[in-house]
């Protein structure tokens, strides 16, 4: 499984990337901004995108909207990875077409399994 992590925090990208590749056996691509993430999503065709909600310049809402508008990424599952998990915020993220929401800080031991569970749930299998 190929995963694209879009997050402006170097540490989050690094920890999530190591966790998903070493523990989860996934291929990981990283992007430090929404614009870079959109380019990499179009070029790399990931199976899932982990997207930070709070980023400068282009936040998670703008990024997922742009991803949904592009034919190459319109159907790519997006899971928000965010510290903002209040009920109304989660509902808003889901209304943007997210496959799910994971909370920061995350548990590196379970991140890859949580991603798989959300993907399975969102695909209806």
Protein backbone atom coordinates (compact mmCIF):
# COMPACT_ATOMS: atom_id res chain seq x y z
CA UNK A 1 0.00 0.00 0.00
CA UNK A 2 1.30 3.44 -0.93
CA UNK A 3 0.62 6.26 1.56
CA UNK A 4 1.15 10.00 1.06
CA UNK A 5 1.61 12.02 4.25
CA UNK A 6 0.88 15.73 3.86
CA UNK A 7 1.89 17.63 7.00
CA UNK A 8 3.91 20.79 7.59
CA UNK A 9 5.51 19.35 10.75
CA UNK A 10 8.79 17.57 9.94
CA UNK A 11 8.63 15.45 13.11
CA UNK A 12 5.09 14.23 12.43
CA UNK A 13 6.00 13.30 8.85
CA UNK A 14 9.14 11.53 10.02
CA UNK A 15 7.48 9.54 12.82
CA UNK A 16 4.41 8.65 10.76
CA UNK A 17 6.58 7.73 7.80
CA UNK A 18 8.86 5.45 9.81
CA UNK A 19 5.90 3.87 11.57
CA UNK A 20 3.91 3.21 8.41
CA UNK A 21 6.90 1.81 6.54
CA UNK A 22 8.58 -0.23 9.29
CA UNK A 23 5.58 -1.39 11.30
CA UNK A 24 2.95 -1.35 8.55
CA UNK A 25 5.09 -2.39 5.59
CA UNK A 26 3.72 0.50 3.52
CA UNK A 27 5.44 2.60 0.86
CA UNK A 28 5.51 6.18 2.15
CA UNK A 29 5.72 9.47 0.27
CA UNK A 30 5.91 12.78 2.15
CA UNK A 31 4.91 16.36 1.38
CA UNK A 32 5.41 19.43 3.58
CA UNK A 33 2.50 21.50 2.19
CA UNK A 34 -0.87 21.19 0.56
CA UNK A 35 0.43 22.33 -2.84
CA UNK A 36 3.36 19.88 -2.74
CA UNK A 37 0.97 17.15 -1.60
CA UNK A 38 -1.37 17.71 -4.52
CA UNK A 39 1.54 17.50 -6.97
CA UNK A 40 2.85 14.31 -5.39
CA UNK A 41 -0.63 12.77 -5.22
CA UNK A 42 -1.07 13.33 -8.96
CA UNK A 43 2.42 12.02 -9.78
CA UNK A 44 2.56 9.07 -7.36
CA UNK A 45 -1.06 7.84 -7.28
CA UNK A 46 -1.13 6.83 -3.57
CA UNK A 47 -3.67 4.38 -2.18
CA UNK A 48 -4.43 6.72 0.71
CA UNK A 49 -3.50 10.23 1.85
CA UNK A 50 -2.92 11.24 5.48
CA UNK A 51 -3.65 14.97 5.61
CA UNK A 52 -2.96 17.50 8.34
CA UNK A 53 -5.85 19.90 8.88
CA UNK A 54 -3.90 22.90 10.19
CA UNK A 55 -1.19 23.99 7.76
CA UNK A 56 -0.09 27.46 6.66
CA UNK A 57 -1.00 28.83 3.21
CA UNK A 58 -3.18 25.87 2.13
CA UNK A 59 -4.93 24.10 5.01
CA UNK A 60 -6.44 20.63 5.00
CA UNK A 61 -9.87 21.84 3.86
CA UNK A 62 -8.42 23.61 0.84
CA UNK A 63 -6.14 20.67 0.07
CA UNK A 64 -8.87 18.02 0.12
CA UNK A 65 -11.10 20.29 -1.99
CA UNK A 66 -8.33 20.59 -4.58
CA UNK A 67 -7.68 16.84 -4.46
CA UNK A 68 -11.37 16.11 -5.05
CA UNK A 69 -11.45 18.53 -8.01
CA UNK A 70 -8.56 16.79 -9.81
CA UNK A 71 -9.48 13.67 -11.86
CA UNK A 72 -6.31 11.81 -10.80
CA UNK A 73 -7.06 12.20 -7.08
CA UNK A 74 -10.83 12.63 -6.91
CA UNK A 75 -11.41 9.12 -5.54
CA UNK A 76 -8.24 8.74 -3.44
CA UNK A 77 -9.21 8.13 0.20
CA UNK A 78 -8.10 10.94 2.54
CA UNK A 79 -7.70 10.47 6.28
CA UNK A 80 -7.25 13.62 8.32
CA UNK A 81 -4.46 13.50 10.89
CA UNK A 82 -5.20 16.32 13.31
CA UNK A 83 -5.13 17.56 16.88
CA UNK A 84 -8.60 19.10 16.43
CA UNK A 85 -11.02 16.27 17.15
CA UNK A 86 -13.97 18.06 18.75
CA UNK A 87 -17.29 16.64 17.52
CA UNK A 88 -18.15 19.56 15.22
CA UNK A 89 -14.67 19.53 13.68
CA UNK A 90 -14.81 15.77 13.00
CA UNK A 91 -18.23 16.19 11.37
CA UNK A 92 -16.84 19.01 9.22
CA UNK A 93 -13.87 16.88 8.11
CA UNK A 94 -16.17 13.97 7.29
CA UNK A 95 -18.42 16.33 5.31
CA UNK A 96 -15.39 17.28 3.20
CA UNK A 97 -15.22 13.66 2.07
CA UNK A 98 -12.69 12.23 4.49
CA UNK A 99 -12.43 8.47 4.89
CA UNK A 100 -11.80 9.13 8.57
CA UNK A 101 -10.03 11.19 11.19
CA UNK A 102 -7.03 10.16 13.31
CA UNK A 103 -5.90 12.12 16.34
CA UNK A 104 -2.48 13.67 16.90
CA UNK A 105 -0.53 12.67 18.80
CA UNK A 106 -1.00 9.17 17.43
CA UNK A 107 0.32 5.87 18.76
CA UNK A 108 3.12 4.76 16.41
CA UNK A 109 2.46 1.11 17.32
CA UNK A 110 -1.11 1.21 16.04
CA UNK A 111 -1.08 3.88 13.29
CA UNK A 112 -0.79 1.49 10.33
CA UNK A 113 -3.61 -0.72 11.65
CA UNK A 114 -5.82 2.32 12.27
CA UNK A 115 -5.25 3.46 8.68
CA UNK A 116 -6.20 0.00 7.37
CA UNK A 117 -9.34 -0.10 9.54
CA UNK A 118 -10.51 3.33 8.34
CA UNK A 119 -9.88 2.38 4.72
CA UNK A 120 -11.81 -0.86 5.09
CA UNK A 121 -14.68 0.96 6.81
CA UNK A 122 -14.83 3.71 4.18
CA UNK A 123 -14.81 1.23 1.29
CA UNK A 124 -17.64 -0.74 2.86
CA UNK A 125 -15.73 -4.02 3.11
